[in-house]
């Protein structure tokens, strides 16, 4: 958490401006998704730099040219979303757990991105989120969802990827993009403020023709194995 404090301290004089601008951009009737996202995209680059974190991005060309895809990364910690916001040029929507929906700043980010909030203990509400995602992906929005359901808390090792997380992508028949995060846990989940390089690898997508005959659990296993292999190939001391 020391790095979060460093980011705040080094941005203290401009934080009120940033927050006020985010509040303005929460007016989704006035500002379109591209405008809202562009501000966050620019802001996160500044914040990450002030936190002494460099994002090493690979495979950006693997992202489908057409919008309407779902990204499935491993979940290492609180920093993960910032890595995506810096490297992903086009707007995307996140799926966030209900426990953070009333947290200051995160509450505004949810509104700004029009994120989907999921209650993992409410099956009916979770099914509604899947239906919403399916509809929105079909309409051309990009999504980010963590298939492990929670951060691994085990460094560069993965938890089991849940097949249910892939239902919306399957229903939308959209591209599935595996994404490997390496060393992202070191940003916020350690007490270090040393310079840090976080790797983000966009892997080759699975298109509907690739997975149409597979069960959701099989897709989850395949995506997880590709991510784990990429992590093992790129881990550094």
Protein backbone atom coordinates (compact mmCIF):
# COMPACT_ATOMS: atom_id res chain seq x y z
CA UNK A 1 0.00 0.00 0.00
CA UNK A 2 3.02 2.30 0.24
CA UNK A 3 2.93 2.79 -3.52
CA UNK A 4 -0.66 4.04 -3.39
CA UNK A 5 0.44 6.58 -0.80
CA UNK A 6 3.33 7.60 -3.07
CA UNK A 7 0.93 8.13 -5.98
CA UNK A 8 -1.33 10.28 -3.82
CA UNK A 9 1.50 12.35 -2.35
CA UNK A 10 3.07 13.03 -5.74
CA UNK A 11 -0.31 14.08 -7.15
CA UNK A 12 -1.67 15.92 -4.12
CA UNK A 13 -1.97 19.34 -5.74
CA UNK A 14 -3.85 18.11 -8.81
CA UNK A 15 -6.03 15.47 -7.17
CA UNK A 16 -8.97 17.85 -6.64
CA UNK A 17 -8.93 18.71 -10.37
CA UNK A 18 -8.76 15.05 -11.37
CA UNK A 19 -11.65 14.14 -9.08
CA UNK A 20 -13.83 17.04 -10.22
CA UNK A 21 -13.21 16.10 -13.85
CA UNK A 22 -14.20 12.50 -13.13
CA UNK A 23 -17.40 13.76 -11.50
CA UNK A 24 -18.16 15.81 -14.62
CA UNK A 25 -17.53 12.85 -16.90
CA UNK A 26 -20.01 10.75 -14.92
CA UNK A 27 -22.68 12.65 -16.86
CA UNK A 28 -23.09 9.94 -19.49
CA UNK A 29 -25.76 11.93 -21.32
CA UNK A 30 -23.28 14.72 -22.01
CA UNK A 31 -20.06 12.77 -22.58
CA UNK A 32 -19.77 9.71 -24.81
CA UNK A 33 -17.84 6.56 -23.88
CA UNK A 34 -14.79 7.50 -25.96
CA UNK A 35 -14.45 10.89 -24.24
CA UNK A 36 -14.93 9.44 -20.77
CA UNK A 37 -12.43 6.66 -21.35
CA UNK A 38 -9.83 8.92 -22.97
CA UNK A 39 -9.51 10.94 -19.77
CA UNK A 40 -8.97 7.85 -17.63
CA UNK A 41 -6.52 6.44 -20.18
CA UNK A 42 -4.44 9.62 -20.00
CA UNK A 43 -4.75 10.02 -16.23
CA UNK A 44 -3.66 6.47 -15.41
CA UNK A 45 -0.45 6.86 -17.41
CA UNK A 46 0.45 9.86 -15.24
CA UNK A 47 -0.49 8.13 -11.98
CA UNK A 48 1.44 4.97 -12.81
CA UNK A 49 4.53 6.98 -13.67
CA UNK A 50 4.29 8.84 -10.35
CA UNK A 51 4.03 5.49 -8.62
CA UNK A 52 7.28 4.40 -10.29
CA UNK A 53 5.58 1.63 -12.28
CA UNK A 54 6.38 0.93 -15.92
CA UNK A 55 3.97 -1.18 -17.97
CA UNK A 56 5.69 -3.42 -20.51
CA UNK A 57 2.97 -4.24 -23.02
CA UNK A 58 3.18 -7.10 -25.51
CA UNK A 59 0.82 -8.42 -28.17
CA UNK A 60 -1.34 -5.34 -28.63
CA UNK A 61 -1.72 -6.40 -32.27
CA UNK A 62 -3.48 -9.54 -31.08
CA UNK A 63 -6.55 -7.52 -30.09
CA UNK A 64 -9.36 -7.99 -32.63
CA UNK A 65 -9.75 -5.10 -35.04
CA UNK A 66 -13.50 -5.06 -34.55
CA UNK A 67 -14.91 -4.12 -31.17
CA UNK A 68 -17.12 -6.49 -29.25
CA UNK A 69 -14.73 -8.86 -27.46
CA UNK A 70 -14.10 -10.01 -23.89
CA UNK A 71 -10.68 -10.03 -22.23
CA UNK A 72 -9.95 -12.70 -19.63
CA UNK A 73 -6.78 -12.00 -17.60
CA UNK A 74 -5.41 -13.58 -14.47
CA UNK A 75 -6.15 -11.53 -11.38
CA UNK A 76 -3.10 -10.66 -9.28
CA UNK A 77 -4.15 -7.65 -7.29
CA UNK A 78 -5.50 -4.13 -7.04
CA UNK A 79 -3.15 -2.78 -9.71
CA UNK A 80 -4.44 -5.00 -12.54
CA UNK A 81 -7.09 -2.58 -13.81
CA UNK A 82 -4.55 0.27 -14.01
CA UNK A 83 -2.36 -1.83 -16.30
CA UNK A 84 -5.29 -2.26 -18.68
CA UNK A 85 -6.35 1.37 -18.51
CA UNK A 86 -2.84 2.43 -19.55
CA UNK A 87 -2.31 -0.04 -22.39
CA UNK A 88 -5.77 -0.54 -23.90
CA UNK A 89 -6.51 2.38 -26.25
CA UNK A 90 -10.17 1.63 -26.88
CA UNK A 91 -12.91 1.90 -24.23
CA UNK A 92 -13.71 -1.23 -22.29
CA UNK A 93 -16.14 -2.10 -19.52
CA UNK A 94 -15.21 -3.92 -16.34
CA UNK A 95 -17.16 -6.33 -14.17
CA UNK A 96 -16.70 -5.35 -10.53
CA UNK A 97 -17.80 -7.02 -7.31
CA UNK A 98 -20.58 -5.31 -5.37
CA UNK A 99 -18.34 -4.85 -2.32
CA UNK A 100 -16.58 -1.89 -3.98
CA UNK A 101 -19.59 -0.16 -5.52
CA UNK A 102 -19.87 2.43 -2.73
CA UNK A 103 -16.15 3.09 -2.30
CA UNK A 104 -15.19 6.68 -3.07
CA UNK A 105 -13.57 7.09 -6.48
CA UNK A 106 -14.38 3.49 -7.45
CA UNK A 107 -18.04 4.44 -7.28
CA UNK A 108 -17.41 7.24 -9.76
CA UNK A 109 -15.26 5.04 -12.00
CA UNK A 110 -18.10 2.50 -12.14
CA UNK A 111 -20.43 5.25 -13.33
CA UNK A 112 -17.89 6.68 -15.77
CA UNK A 113 -17.15 3.32 -17.41
CA UNK A 114 -20.73 2.08 -17.01
CA UNK A 115 -19.29 -1.01 -15.37
CA UNK A 116 -21.37 -4.04 -14.48
CA UNK A 117 -21.55 -4.75 -10.73
CA UNK A 118 -21.96 -8.39 -9.76
CA UNK A 119 -23.15 -9.97 -6.53
CA UNK A 120 -21.40 -13.32 -6.52
CA UNK A 121 -23.75 -14.69 -3.86
CA UNK A 122 -26.93 -13.82 -5.77
CA UNK A 123 -27.42 -16.28 -8.64
CA UNK A 124 -30.31 -14.36 -10.18
CA UNK A 125 -28.41 -11.07 -10.17
CA UNK A 126 -25.30 -12.79 -11.55
CA UNK A 127 -27.36 -14.21 -14.41
CA UNK A 128 -28.67 -10.73 -15.15
CA UNK A 129 -25.11 -9.43 -15.38
CA UNK A 130 -24.29 -12.22 -17.86
CA UNK A 131 -27.32 -11.25 -19.94
CA UNK A 132 -26.34 -7.58 -19.83
CA UNK A 133 -22.80 -8.41 -20.92
CA UNK A 134 -24.04 -10.58 -23.78
CA UNK A 135 -26.24 -7.78 -25.07
CA UNK A 136 -23.59 -5.11 -24.71
CA UNK A 137 -20.86 -7.18 -26.37
CA UNK A 138 -23.19 -7.87 -29.28
CA UNK A 139 -23.66 -4.10 -29.52
CA UNK A 140 -19.89 -3.66 -29.88
CA UNK A 141 -18.62 -2.96 -26.35
CA UNK A 142 -15.44 -4.57 -25.06
CA UNK A 143 -15.37 -6.18 -21.61
CA UNK A 144 -12.80 -7.17 -19.01
CA UNK A 145 -13.64 -9.90 -16.52
CA UNK A 146 -11.48 -11.82 -14.06
CA UNK A 147 -12.40 -15.48 -14.45
CA UNK A 148 -10.75 -16.49 -11.17
CA UNK A 149 -13.44 -14.51 -9.36
CA UNK A 150 -10.95 -13.04 -6.91
CA UNK A 151 -7.26 -12.16 -6.87
CA UNK A 152 -5.00 -15.14 -6.42
CA UNK A 153 -2.89 -13.67 -3.57
CA UNK A 154 -0.22 -16.10 -4.71
CA UNK A 155 2.08 -14.09 -6.92
CA UNK A 156 2.30 -15.28 -10.51
CA UNK A 157 0.31 -18.44 -9.83
CA UNK A 158 -3.28 -18.80 -10.99
CA UNK A 159 -6.44 -19.91 -9.25
CA UNK A 160 -8.95 -22.03 -11.14
CA UNK A 161 -10.70 -20.16 -13.97
CA UNK A 162 -14.48 -20.47 -13.52
CA UNK A 163 -16.38 -21.70 -16.56
CA UNK A 164 -19.40 -19.53 -15.75
CA UNK A 165 -17.32 -16.40 -16.38
CA UNK A 166 -17.23 -17.34 -20.06
CA UNK A 167 -21.00 -17.67 -20.53
CA UNK A 168 -21.54 -14.13 -21.79
CA UNK A 169 -18.77 -14.45 -24.40
CA UNK A 170 -20.13 -17.83 -25.52
CA UNK A 171 -23.66 -16.45 -25.78
CA UNK A 172 -22.43 -13.44 -27.75
CA UNK A 173 -20.27 -15.68 -29.97
CA UNK A 174 -17.53 -13.08 -29.62
CA UNK A 175 -13.72 -13.24 -29.56
CA UNK A 176 -12.20 -14.33 -26.25
CA UNK A 177 -8.86 -12.63 -25.52
CA UNK A 178 -6.61 -14.29 -22.91
CA UNK A 179 -4.34 -11.79 -21.15
CA UNK A 180 -1.37 -12.60 -18.94
CA UNK A 181 -0.32 -10.24 -16.15
CA UNK A 182 3.16 -10.75 -14.73
CA UNK A 183 4.34 -9.16 -11.45
CA UNK A 184 1.28 -6.88 -11.17
CA UNK A 185 0.85 -8.05 -7.57
CA UNK A 186 4.11 -6.33 -6.64
CA UNK A 187 2.67 -2.86 -7.23
CA UNK A 188 0.11 -2.59 -4.42
CA UNK A 189 0.23 -5.89 -2.57
CA UNK A 190 3.78 -5.48 -1.26
CA UNK A 191 5.26 -2.67 0.84
CA UNK A 192 7.83 -1.66 -1.75
CA UNK A 193 8.07 1.61 -3.67
CA UNK A 194 11.07 0.53 -5.73
CA UNK A 195 10.86 1.03 -9.47
CA UNK A 196 8.78 -1.78 -10.89
CA UNK A 197 8.06 -3.21 -14.32
CA UNK A 198 4.72 -4.94 -14.78
CA UNK A 199 4.24 -7.07 -17.89
CA UNK A 200 0.93 -7.33 -19.73
CA UNK A 201 0.64 -9.83 -22.60
CA UNK A 202 -2.38 -9.74 -24.91
CA UNK A 203 -2.49 -13.28 -26.32
CA UNK A 204 -4.02 -14.49 -29.57
CA UNK A 205 -7.81 -14.53 -29.30
CA UNK A 206 -10.12 -17.49 -29.54
CA UNK A 207 -12.83 -16.87 -32.10
CA UNK A 208 -16.23 -18.51 -32.03
CA UNK A 209 -15.18 -21.08 -34.62
CA UNK A 210 -12.33 -22.07 -32.30
CA UNK A 211 -14.46 -22.76 -29.24
CA UNK A 212 -18.03 -23.40 -30.44
CA UNK A 213 -17.81 -27.14 -29.74
CA UNK A 214 -16.20 -26.74 -26.31
CA UNK A 215 -17.80 -26.65 -22.88
CA UNK A 216 -17.35 -23.49 -20.82
CA UNK A 217 -15.10 -25.36 -18.38
CA UNK A 218 -12.92 -26.54 -21.27
CA UNK A 219 -12.60 -22.97 -22.57
CA UNK A 220 -11.70 -21.80 -19.07
CA UNK A 221 -9.01 -24.45 -18.77
CA UNK A 222 -7.54 -23.63 -22.18
CA UNK A 223 -7.41 -19.88 -21.47
CA UNK A 224 -5.86 -20.46 -18.04
CA UNK A 225 -3.20 -22.80 -19.44
CA UNK A 226 -2.17 -20.29 -22.12
CA UNK A 227 -1.90 -17.55 -19.53
CA UNK A 228 0.10 -19.70 -17.12
CA UNK A 229 2.48 -20.77 -19.89
CA UNK A 230 3.07 -17.12 -20.87
CA UNK A 231 3.74 -16.19 -17.25
CA UNK A 232 6.27 -19.01 -16.86
CA UNK A 233 8.05 -17.96 -20.04
CA UNK A 234 8.35 -14.34 -18.92
CA UNK A 235 8.91 -14.42 -15.16
CA UNK A 236 11.96 -12.55 -13.98
CA UNK A 237 13.86 -12.66 -10.72
